[in-house]
Amino acid sequence: MNPISDKIRRELKAKAHHLNPVVTIGDKGLSKPVLKELTIALDSHELIKVRIHSDDKDEREKIMSGIVTSLGATSISHIGKVLIVYRKNEKDTD
């Protein structure tokens, strides 16, 4: 995970505003299949929204921490049951 500036974080949050969640995390939490789907989504889009069906805020924060740690992503925002996650696509060569 690379730290990003507050300015870039605000820009990414604004860019994510119109996105729909691409991955939903249910009762089984951050399982291997969910991590695989998150990896595919981040590789394709770099910036994604994730919906978590847990009412427990601590559980949602734990899941966000797990995503950041496991996938080398950056937490952009956690509002209610929606997380915004960013990971630069290193494969993207112009």
PDB file of N, CA and C in Angstrom:
ATOM      1  N   MET A   1       0.844  -1.182   0.000  1.00  0.00           N
ATOM      2  CA  MET A   1       0.000   0.000   0.000  1.00  0.00           C
ATOM      3  C   MET A   1       0.882   1.236   0.000  1.00  0.00           C
ATOM      4  N   ASN A   2       0.637   2.097  -0.955  1.00  0.00           N
ATOM      5  CA  ASN A   2       1.369   3.348  -1.017  1.00  0.00           C
ATOM      6  C   ASN A   2       0.499   4.468  -0.467  1.00  0.00           C
ATOM      7  N   PRO A   3       1.055   5.291   0.438  1.00  0.00           N
ATOM      8  CA  PRO A   3       0.261   6.402   0.950  1.00  0.00           C
ATOM      9  C   PRO A   3      -0.033   7.399  -0.174  1.00  0.00           C
ATOM     10  N   ILE A   4      -1.216   7.981  -0.125  1.00  0.00           N
ATOM     11  CA  ILE A   4      -1.569   8.978  -1.129  1.00  0.00           C
ATOM     12  C   ILE A   4      -1.907  10.278  -0.418  1.00  0.00           C
ATOM     13  N   SER A   5      -1.769  11.368  -1.144  1.00  0.00           N
ATOM     14  CA  SER A   5      -2.016  12.682  -0.544  1.00  0.00           C
ATOM     15  C   SER A   5      -3.513  12.890  -0.314  1.00  0.00           C
ATOM     16  N   ASP A   6      -3.828  13.819   0.566  1.00  0.00           N
ATOM     17  CA  ASP A   6      -5.234  14.139   0.840  1.00  0.00           C
ATOM     18  C   ASP A   6      -5.929  14.651  -0.418  1.00  0.00           C
ATOM     19  N   LYS A   7      -5.202  15.395  -1.244  1.00  0.00           N
ATOM     20  CA  LYS A   7      -5.786  15.932  -2.484  1.00  0.00           C
ATOM     21  C   LYS A   7      -6.196  14.782  -3.400  1.00  0.00           C
ATOM     22  N   ILE A   8      -5.308  13.815  -3.590  1.00  0.00           N
ATOM     23  CA  ILE A   8      -5.616  12.678  -4.465  1.00  0.00           C
ATOM     24  C   ILE A   8      -6.746  11.850  -3.861  1.00  0.00           C
ATOM     25  N   ARG A   9      -6.732  11.672  -2.543  1.00  0.00           N
ATOM     26  CA  ARG A   9      -7.796  10.923  -1.867  1.00  0.00           C
ATOM     27  C   ARG A   9      -9.154  11.593  -2.130  1.00  0.00           C
ATOM     28  N   ARG A  10      -9.218  12.924  -2.026  1.00  0.00           N
ATOM     29  CA  ARG A  10     -10.471  13.650  -2.293  1.00  0.00           C
ATOM     30  C   ARG A  10     -10.901  13.484  -3.749  1.00  0.00           C
ATOM     31  N   GLU A  11      -9.944  13.545  -4.677  1.00  0.00           N
ATOM     32  CA  GLU A  11     -10.259  13.378  -6.098  1.00  0.00           C
ATOM     33  C   GLU A  11     -10.805  11.977  -6.376  1.00  0.00           C
ATOM     34  N   LEU A  12     -10.185  10.957  -5.772  1.00  0.00           N
ATOM     35  CA  LEU A  12     -10.652   9.586  -5.971  1.00  0.00           C
ATOM     36  C   LEU A  12     -12.034   9.381  -5.357  1.00  0.00           C
ATOM     37  N   LYS A  13     -12.267   9.980  -4.207  1.00  0.00           N
ATOM     38  CA  LYS A  13     -13.571   9.867  -3.550  1.00  0.00           C
ATOM     39  C   LYS A  13     -14.651  10.500  -4.428  1.00  0.00           C
ATOM     40  N   ALA A  14     -14.350  11.649  -5.009  1.00  0.00           N
ATOM     41  CA  ALA A  14     -15.302  12.308  -5.906  1.00  0.00           C
ATOM     42  C   ALA A  14     -15.541  11.458  -7.157  1.00  0.00           C
ATOM     43  N   LYS A  15     -14.482  10.879  -7.686  1.00  0.00           N
ATOM     44  CA  LYS A  15     -14.594  10.033  -8.886  1.00  0.00           C
ATOM     45  C   LYS A  15     -15.443   8.794  -8.593  1.00  0.00           C
ATOM     46  N   ALA A  16     -15.353   8.271  -7.376  1.00  0.00           N
ATOM     47  CA  ALA A  16     -16.090   7.059  -6.997  1.00  0.00           C
ATOM     48  C   ALA A  16     -17.556   7.333  -6.698  1.00  0.00           C
ATOM     49  N   HIS A  17     -17.920   8.590  -6.536  1.00  0.00           N
ATOM     50  CA  HIS A  17     -19.280   8.938  -6.135  1.00  0.00           C
ATOM     51  C   HIS A  17     -20.338   8.276  -7.018  1.00  0.00           C
ATOM     52  N   HIS A  18     -20.115   8.231  -8.323  1.00  0.00           N
ATOM     53  CA  HIS A  18     -21.109   7.717  -9.259  1.00  0.00           C
ATOM     54  C   HIS A  18     -20.971   6.218  -9.520  1.00  0.00           C
ATOM     55  N   LEU A  19     -19.993   5.578  -8.902  1.00  0.00           N
ATOM     56  CA  LEU A  19     -19.797   4.142  -9.111  1.00  0.00           C
ATOM     57  C   LEU A  19     -20.799   3.327  -8.295  1.00  0.00           C
ATOM     58  N   ASN A  20     -21.129   2.157  -8.802  1.00  0.00           N
ATOM     59  CA  ASN A  20     -21.933   1.195  -8.053  1.00  0.00           C
ATOM     60  C   ASN A  20     -20.989   0.157  -7.452  1.00  0.00           C
ATOM     61  N   PRO A  21     -21.359  -0.432  -6.320  1.00  0.00           N
ATOM     62  CA  PRO A  21     -20.516  -1.491  -5.749  1.00  0.00           C
ATOM     63  C   PRO A  21     -20.360  -2.651  -6.734  1.00  0.00           C
ATOM     64  N   VAL A  22     -19.130  -3.124  -6.906  1.00  0.00           N
ATOM     65  CA  VAL A  22     -18.865  -4.221  -7.843  1.00  0.00           C
ATOM     66  C   VAL A  22     -18.682  -5.551  -7.128  1.00  0.00           C
ATOM     67  N   VAL A  23     -18.450  -5.506  -5.819  1.00  0.00           N
ATOM     68  CA  VAL A  23     -18.304  -6.717  -5.021  1.00  0.00           C
ATOM     69  C   VAL A  23     -19.133  -6.532  -3.757  1.00  0.00           C
ATOM     70  N   THR A  24     -19.845  -7.590  -3.375  1.00  0.00           N
ATOM     71  CA  THR A  24     -20.618  -7.583  -2.136  1.00  0.00           C
ATOM     72  C   THR A  24     -20.058  -8.650  -1.213  1.00  0.00           C
ATOM     73  N   ILE A  25     -19.813  -8.261   0.030  1.00  0.00           N
ATOM     74  CA  ILE A  25     -19.277  -9.191   1.020  1.00  0.00           C
ATOM     75  C   ILE A  25     -20.405  -9.545   1.984  1.00  0.00           C
ATOM     76  N   GLY A  26     -20.706 -10.836   2.063  1.00  0.00           N
ATOM     77  CA  GLY A  26     -21.806 -11.307   2.891  1.00  0.00           C
ATOM     78  C   GLY A  26     -21.348 -11.873   4.217  1.00  0.00           C
ATOM     79  N   ASP A  27     -22.103 -12.848   4.703  1.00  0.00           N
ATOM     80  CA  ASP A  27     -21.886 -13.428   6.027  1.00  0.00           C
ATOM     81  C   ASP A  27     -20.542 -14.131   6.188  1.00  0.00           C
ATOM     82  N   LYS A  28     -19.985 -14.636   5.106  1.00  0.00           N
ATOM     83  CA  LYS A  28     -18.727 -15.389   5.205  1.00  0.00           C
ATOM     84  C   LYS A  28     -17.505 -14.474   5.260  1.00  0.00           C
ATOM     85  N   GLY A  29     -17.722 -13.185   5.134  1.00  0.00           N
ATOM     86  CA  GLY A  29     -16.628 -12.230   5.275  1.00  0.00           C
ATOM     87  C   GLY A  29     -15.651 -12.258   4.115  1.00  0.00           C
ATOM     88  N   LEU A  30     -14.405 -12.034   4.433  1.00  0.00           N
ATOM     89  CA  LEU A  30     -13.354 -11.874   3.432  1.00  0.00           C
ATOM     90  C   LEU A  30     -12.752 -13.245   3.085  1.00  0.00           C
ATOM     91  N   SER A  31     -13.501 -14.041   2.353  1.00  0.00           N
ATOM     92  CA  SER A  31     -13.076 -15.383   1.975  1.00  0.00           C
ATOM     93  C   SER A  31     -12.158 -15.329   0.749  1.00  0.00           C
ATOM     94  N   LYS A  32     -11.532 -16.445   0.432  1.00  0.00           N
ATOM     95  CA  LYS A  32     -10.651 -16.506  -0.740  1.00  0.00           C
ATOM     96  C   LYS A  32     -11.383 -16.146  -2.032  1.00  0.00           C
ATOM     97  N   PRO A  33     -12.606 -16.665  -2.264  1.00  0.00           N
ATOM     98  CA  PRO A  33     -13.315 -16.258  -3.483  1.00  0.00           C
ATOM     99  C   PRO A  33     -13.594 -14.754  -3.541  1.00  0.00           C
ATOM    100  N   VAL A  34     -13.900 -14.152  -2.389  1.00  0.00           N
ATOM    101  CA  VAL A  34     -14.144 -12.703  -2.359  1.00  0.00           C
ATOM    102  C   VAL A  34     -12.856 -11.950  -2.681  1.00  0.00           C
ATOM    103  N   LEU A  35     -11.739 -12.378  -2.104  1.00  0.00           N
ATOM    104  CA  LEU A  35     -10.451 -11.738  -2.403  1.00  0.00           C
ATOM    105  C   LEU A  35     -10.116 -11.861  -3.885  1.00  0.00           C
ATOM    106  N   LYS A  36     -10.444 -13.002  -4.488  1.00  0.00           N
ATOM    107  CA  LYS A  36     -10.197 -13.183  -5.923  1.00  0.00           C
ATOM    108  C   LYS A  36     -11.036 -12.199  -6.739  1.00  0.00           C
ATOM    109  N   GLU A  37     -12.311 -12.055  -6.386  1.00  0.00           N
ATOM    110  CA  GLU A  37     -13.178 -11.106  -7.089  1.00  0.00           C
ATOM    111  C   GLU A  37     -12.700  -9.665  -6.908  1.00  0.00           C
ATOM    112  N   LEU A  38     -12.255  -9.347  -5.706  1.00  0.00           N
ATOM    113  CA  LEU A  38     -11.716  -8.005  -5.453  1.00  0.00           C
ATOM    114  C   LEU A  38     -10.471  -7.750  -6.299  1.00  0.00           C
ATOM    115  N   THR A  39      -9.613  -8.752  -6.409  1.00  0.00           N
ATOM    116  CA  THR A  39      -8.402  -8.626  -7.228  1.00  0.00           C
ATOM    117  C   THR A  39      -8.769  -8.369  -8.684  1.00  0.00           C
ATOM    118  N   ILE A  40      -9.718  -9.134  -9.202  1.00  0.00           N
ATOM    119  CA  ILE A  40     -10.158  -8.959 -10.591  1.00  0.00           C
ATOM    120  C   ILE A  40     -10.730  -7.558 -10.799  1.00  0.00           C
ATOM    121  N   ALA A  41     -11.572  -7.120  -9.862  1.00  0.00           N
ATOM    122  CA  ALA A  41     -12.187  -5.791  -9.978  1.00  0.00           C
ATOM    123  C   ALA A  41     -11.147  -4.683  -9.917  1.00  0.00           C
ATOM    124  N   LEU A  42     -10.187  -4.794  -8.993  1.00  0.00           N
ATOM    125  CA  LEU A  42      -9.139  -3.766  -8.883  1.00  0.00           C
ATOM    126  C   LEU A  42      -8.231  -3.769 -10.111  1.00  0.00           C
ATOM    127  N   ASP A  43      -7.932  -4.950 -10.648  1.00  0.00           N
ATOM    128  CA  ASP A  43      -7.118  -5.021 -11.861  1.00  0.00           C
ATOM    129  C   ASP A  43      -7.828  -4.362 -13.042  1.00  0.00           C
ATOM    130  N   SER A  44      -9.147  -4.497 -13.080  1.00  0.00           N
ATOM    131  CA  SER A  44      -9.927  -3.941 -14.188  1.00  0.00           C
ATOM    132  C   SER A  44     -10.212  -2.453 -14.037  1.00  0.00           C
ATOM    133  N   HIS A  45     -10.468  -2.019 -12.803  1.00  0.00           N
ATOM    134  CA  HIS A  45     -10.986  -0.658 -12.605  1.00  0.00           C
ATOM    135  C   HIS A  45     -10.125   0.259 -11.751  1.00  0.00           C
ATOM    136  N   GLU A  46      -9.202  -0.251 -10.987  1.00  0.00           N
ATOM    137  CA  GLU A  46      -8.364   0.488 -10.042  1.00  0.00           C
ATOM    138  C   GLU A  46      -9.141   1.071  -8.861  1.00  0.00           C
ATOM    139  N   LEU A  47     -10.287   1.677  -9.113  1.00  0.00           N
ATOM    140  CA  LEU A  47     -11.101   2.312  -8.073  1.00  0.00           C
ATOM    141  C   LEU A  47     -12.451   1.607  -8.023  1.00  0.00           C
ATOM    142  N   ILE A  48     -12.783   1.025  -6.871  1.00  0.00           N
ATOM    143  CA  ILE A  48     -14.031   0.267  -6.767  1.00  0.00           C
ATOM    144  C   ILE A  48     -14.766   0.582  -5.476  1.00  0.00           C
ATOM    145  N   LYS A  49     -16.062   0.288  -5.504  1.00  0.00           N
ATOM    146  CA  LYS A  49     -16.877   0.325  -4.295  1.00  0.00           C
ATOM    147  C   LYS A  49     -17.185  -1.111  -3.913  1.00  0.00           C
ATOM    148  N   VAL A  50     -17.201  -1.364  -2.604  1.00  0.00           N
ATOM    149  CA  VAL A  50     -17.503  -2.681  -2.058  1.00  0.00           C
ATOM    150  C   VAL A  50     -18.609  -2.519  -1.023  1.00  0.00           C
ATOM    151  N   ARG A  51     -19.648  -3.341  -1.144  1.00  0.00           N
ATOM    152  CA  ARG A  51     -20.735  -3.302  -0.164  1.00  0.00           C
ATOM    153  C   ARG A  51     -20.560  -4.458   0.818  1.00  0.00           C
ATOM    154  N   ILE A  52     -20.745  -4.149   2.102  1.00  0.00           N
ATOM    155  CA  ILE A  52     -20.642  -5.155   3.153  1.00  0.00           C
ATOM    156  C   ILE A  52     -21.994  -5.257   3.843  1.00  0.00           C
ATOM    157  N   HIS A  53     -22.505  -6.477   4.002  1.00  0.00           N
ATOM    158  CA  HIS A  53     -23.822  -6.664   4.602  1.00  0.00           C
ATOM    159  C   HIS A  53     -23.791  -6.811   6.114  1.00  0.00           C
ATOM    160  N   SER A  54     -22.715  -6.415   6.752  1.00  0.00           N
ATOM    161  CA  SER A  54     -22.619  -6.500   8.216  1.00  0.00           C
ATOM    162  C   SER A  54     -23.079  -5.186   8.845  1.00  0.00           C
ATOM    163  N   ASP A  55     -23.830  -5.307   9.931  1.00  0.00           N
ATOM    164  CA  ASP A  55     -24.255  -4.115  10.667  1.00  0.00           C
ATOM    165  C   ASP A  55     -23.209  -3.666  11.682  1.00  0.00           C
ATOM    166  N   ASP A  56     -22.183  -4.471  11.888  1.00  0.00           N
ATOM    167  CA  ASP A  56     -21.150  -4.219  12.885  1.00  0.00           C
ATOM    168  C   ASP A  56     -20.032  -3.358  12.289  1.00  0.00           C
ATOM    169  N   LYS A  57     -19.913  -2.128  12.772  1.00  0.00           N
ATOM    170  CA  LYS A  57     -18.910  -1.198  12.239  1.00  0.00           C
ATOM    171  C   LYS A  57     -17.488  -1.743  12.424  1.00  0.00           C
ATOM    172  N   ASP A  58     -17.211  -2.351  13.571  1.00  0.00           N
ATOM    173  CA  ASP A  58     -15.878  -2.911  13.800  1.00  0.00           C
ATOM    174  C   ASP A  58     -15.567  -4.011  12.789  1.00  0.00           C
ATOM    175  N   GLU A  59     -16.562  -4.828  12.466  1.00  0.00           N
ATOM    176  CA  GLU A  59     -16.390  -5.891  11.473  1.00  0.00           C
ATOM    177  C   GLU A  59     -16.099  -5.291  10.102  1.00  0.00           C
ATOM    178  N   ARG A  60     -16.806  -4.222   9.737  1.00  0.00           N
ATOM    179  CA  ARG A  60     -16.565  -3.564   8.439  1.00  0.00           C
ATOM    180  C   ARG A  60     -15.156  -2.977   8.391  1.00  0.00           C
ATOM    181  N   GLU A  61     -14.709  -2.376   9.486  1.00  0.00           N
ATOM    182  CA  GLU A  61     -13.349  -1.821   9.531  1.00  0.00           C
ATOM    183  C   GLU A  61     -12.309  -2.929   9.439  1.00  0.00           C
ATOM    184  N   LYS A  62     -12.582  -4.057  10.064  1.00  0.00           N
ATOM    185  CA  LYS A  62     -11.679  -5.213   9.994  1.00  0.00           C
ATOM    186  C   LYS A  62     -11.590  -5.736   8.557  1.00  0.00           C
ATOM    187  N   ILE A  63     -12.729  -5.775   7.857  1.00  0.00           N
ATOM    188  CA  ILE A  63     -12.741  -6.215   6.459  1.00  0.00           C
ATOM    189  C   ILE A  63     -11.950  -5.245   5.600  1.00  0.00           C
ATOM    190  N   MET A  64     -12.135  -3.939   5.809  1.00  0.00           N
ATOM    191  CA  MET A  64     -11.373  -2.945   5.041  1.00  0.00           C
ATOM    192  C   MET A  64      -9.888  -3.133   5.278  1.00  0.00           C
ATOM    193  N   SER A  65      -9.497  -3.326   6.520  1.00  0.00           N
ATOM    194  CA  SER A  65      -8.097  -3.552   6.853  1.00  0.00           C
ATOM    195  C   SER A  65      -7.571  -4.802   6.158  1.00  0.00           C
ATOM    196  N   GLY A  66      -8.381  -5.847   6.112  1.00  0.00           N
ATOM    197  CA  GLY A  66      -7.990  -7.079   5.441  1.00  0.00           C
ATOM    198  C   GLY A  66      -7.807  -6.896   3.951  1.00  0.00           C
ATOM    199  N   ILE A  67      -8.683  -6.111   3.329  1.00  0.00           N
ATOM    200  CA  ILE A  67      -8.561  -5.832   1.891  1.00  0.00           C
ATOM    201  C   ILE A  67      -7.268  -5.077   1.620  1.00  0.00           C
ATOM    202  N   VAL A  68      -7.022  -4.040   2.401  1.00  0.00           N
ATOM    203  CA  VAL A  68      -5.826  -3.213   2.217  1.00  0.00           C
ATOM    204  C   VAL A  68      -4.561  -4.055   2.393  1.00  0.00           C
ATOM    205  N   THR A  69      -4.522  -4.863   3.441  1.00  0.00           N
ATOM    206  CA  THR A  69      -3.341  -5.677   3.738  1.00  0.00           C
ATOM    207  C   THR A  69      -3.147  -6.792   2.713  1.00  0.00           C
ATOM    208  N   SER A  70      -4.204  -7.519   2.402  1.00  0.00           N
ATOM    209  CA  SER A  70      -4.107  -8.680   1.517  1.00  0.00           C
ATOM    210  C   SER A  70      -3.833  -8.311   0.069  1.00  0.00           C
ATOM    211  N   LEU A  71      -4.388  -7.188  -0.380  1.00  0.00           N
ATOM    212  CA  LEU A  71      -4.323  -6.862  -1.806  1.00  0.00           C
ATOM    213  C   LEU A  71      -3.414  -5.680  -2.130  1.00  0.00           C
ATOM    214  N   GLY A  72      -2.779  -5.098  -1.127  1.00  0.00           N
ATOM    215  CA  GLY A  72      -1.907  -3.955  -1.384  1.00  0.00           C
ATOM    216  C   GLY A  72      -2.673  -2.757  -1.904  1.00  0.00           C
ATOM    217  N   ALA A  73      -3.898  -2.616  -1.440  1.00  0.00           N
ATOM    218  CA  ALA A  73      -4.760  -1.524  -1.897  1.00  0.00           C
ATOM    219  C   ALA A  73      -4.716  -0.368  -0.898  1.00  0.00           C
ATOM    220  N   THR A  74      -5.393   0.714  -1.242  1.00  0.00           N
ATOM    221  CA  THR A  74      -5.483   1.881  -0.384  1.00  0.00           C
ATOM    222  C   THR A  74      -6.943   2.138  -0.040  1.00  0.00           C
ATOM    223  N   SER A  75      -7.226   2.352   1.226  1.00  0.00           N
ATOM    224  CA  SER A  75      -8.568   2.702   1.674  1.00  0.00           C
ATOM    225  C   SER A  75      -8.813   4.167   1.349  1.00  0.00           C
ATOM    226  N   ILE A  76      -9.857   4.428   0.575  1.00  0.00           N
ATOM    227  CA  ILE A  76     -10.202   5.805   0.230  1.00  0.00           C
ATOM    228  C   ILE A  76     -11.292   6.326   1.161  1.00  0.00           C
ATOM    229  N   SER A  77     -12.310   5.489   1.423  1.00  0.00           N
ATOM    230  CA  SER A  77     -13.424   5.933   2.249  1.00  0.00           C
ATOM    231  C   SER A  77     -14.192   4.730   2.788  1.00  0.00           C
ATOM    232  N   HIS A  78     -14.829   4.934   3.931  1.00  0.00           N
ATOM    233  CA  HIS A  78     -15.706   3.930   4.534  1.00  0.00           C
ATOM    234  C   HIS A  78     -16.909   4.688   5.059  1.00  0.00           C
ATOM    235  N   ILE A  79     -17.987   4.653   4.290  1.00  0.00           N
ATOM    236  CA  ILE A  79     -19.202   5.349   4.684  1.00  0.00           C
ATOM    237  C   ILE A  79     -20.304   4.308   4.810  1.00  0.00           C
ATOM    238  N   GLY A  80     -20.763   4.093   6.021  1.00  0.00           N
ATOM    239  CA  GLY A  80     -21.794   3.095   6.252  1.00  0.00           C
ATOM    240  C   GLY A  80     -21.320   1.716   5.834  1.00  0.00           C
ATOM    241  N   LYS A  81     -22.087   1.071   4.980  1.00  0.00           N
ATOM    242  CA  LYS A  81     -21.767  -0.277   4.534  1.00  0.00           C
ATOM    243  C   LYS A  81     -21.027  -0.298   3.204  1.00  0.00           C
ATOM    244  N   VAL A  82     -20.552   0.861   2.751  1.00  0.00           N
ATOM    245  CA  VAL A  82     -19.855   0.947   1.469  1.00  0.00           C
ATOM    246  C   VAL A  82     -18.409   1.385   1.690  1.00  0.00           C
ATOM    247  N   LEU A  83     -17.509   0.618   1.115  1.00  0.00           N
ATOM    248  CA  LEU A  83     -16.082   0.933   1.156  1.00  0.00           C
ATOM    249  C   LEU A  83     -15.642   1.378  -0.231  1.00  0.00           C
ATOM    250  N   ILE A  84     -14.724   2.320  -0.273  1.00  0.00           N
ATOM    251  CA  ILE A  84     -14.105   2.710  -1.536  1.00  0.00           C
ATOM    252  C   ILE A  84     -12.638   2.337  -1.433  1.00  0.00           C
ATOM    253  N   VAL A  85     -12.182   1.553  -2.409  1.00  0.00           N
ATOM    254  CA  VAL A  85     -10.834   1.001  -2.392  1.00  0.00           C
ATOM    255  C   VAL A  85     -10.143   1.330  -3.705  1.00  0.00           C
ATOM    256  N   TYR A  86      -8.856   1.654  -3.611  1.00  0.00           N
ATOM    257  CA  TYR A  86      -8.066   2.001  -4.800  1.00  0.00           C
ATOM    258  C   TYR A  86      -6.774   1.198  -4.807  1.00  0.00           C
ATOM    259  N   ARG A  87      -6.415   0.745  -5.997  1.00  0.00           N
ATOM    260  CA  ARG A  87      -5.102   0.136  -6.191  1.00  0.00           C
ATOM    261  C   ARG A  87      -4.659   0.435  -7.610  1.00  0.00           C
ATOM    262  N   LYS A  88      -3.534   1.116  -7.741  1.00  0.00           N
ATOM    263  CA  LYS A  88      -2.985   1.453  -9.045  1.00  0.00           C
ATOM    264  C   LYS A  88      -2.699   0.174  -9.801  1.00  0.00           C
ATOM    265  N   ASN A  89      -3.106   0.134 -11.054  1.00  0.00           N
ATOM    266  CA  ASN A  89      -2.866  -1.029 -11.891  1.00  0.00           C
ATOM    267  C   ASN A  89      -1.473  -0.920 -12.490  1.00  0.00           C
ATOM    268  N   GLU A  90      -0.549  -1.679 -11.927  1.00  0.00           N
ATOM    269  CA  GLU A  90       0.851  -1.626 -12.370  1.00  0.00           C
ATOM    270  C   GLU A  90       1.043  -2.218 -13.767  1.00  0.00           C
ATOM    271  N   LYS A  91       0.084  -3.034 -14.213  1.00  0.00           N
ATOM    272  CA  LYS A  91       0.162  -3.656 -15.541  1.00  0.00           C
ATOM    273  C   LYS A  91      -0.191  -2.672 -16.637  1.00  0.00           C
ATOM    274  N   ASP A  92      -0.807  -1.561 -16.255  1.00  0.00           N
ATOM    275  CA  ASP A  92      -1.283  -0.580 -17.223  1.00  0.00           C
ATOM    276  C   ASP A  92      -0.096   0.181 -17.816  1.00  0.00           C
ATOM    277  N   THR A  93       0.243  -0.128 -19.021  1.00  0.00           N
ATOM    278  CA  THR A  93       1.350   0.560 -19.697  1.00  0.00           C
ATOM    279  C   THR A  93       0.812   1.294 -20.906  1.00  0.00           C
ATOM    280  N   ASP A  94       1.097   2.572 -20.971  1.00  0.00           N
ATOM    281  CA  ASP A  94       0.601   3.408 -22.078  1.00  0.00           C
ATOM    282  C   ASP A  94       1.615   3.441 -23.200  1.00  0.00           C
TER     283      ASP A  94
END
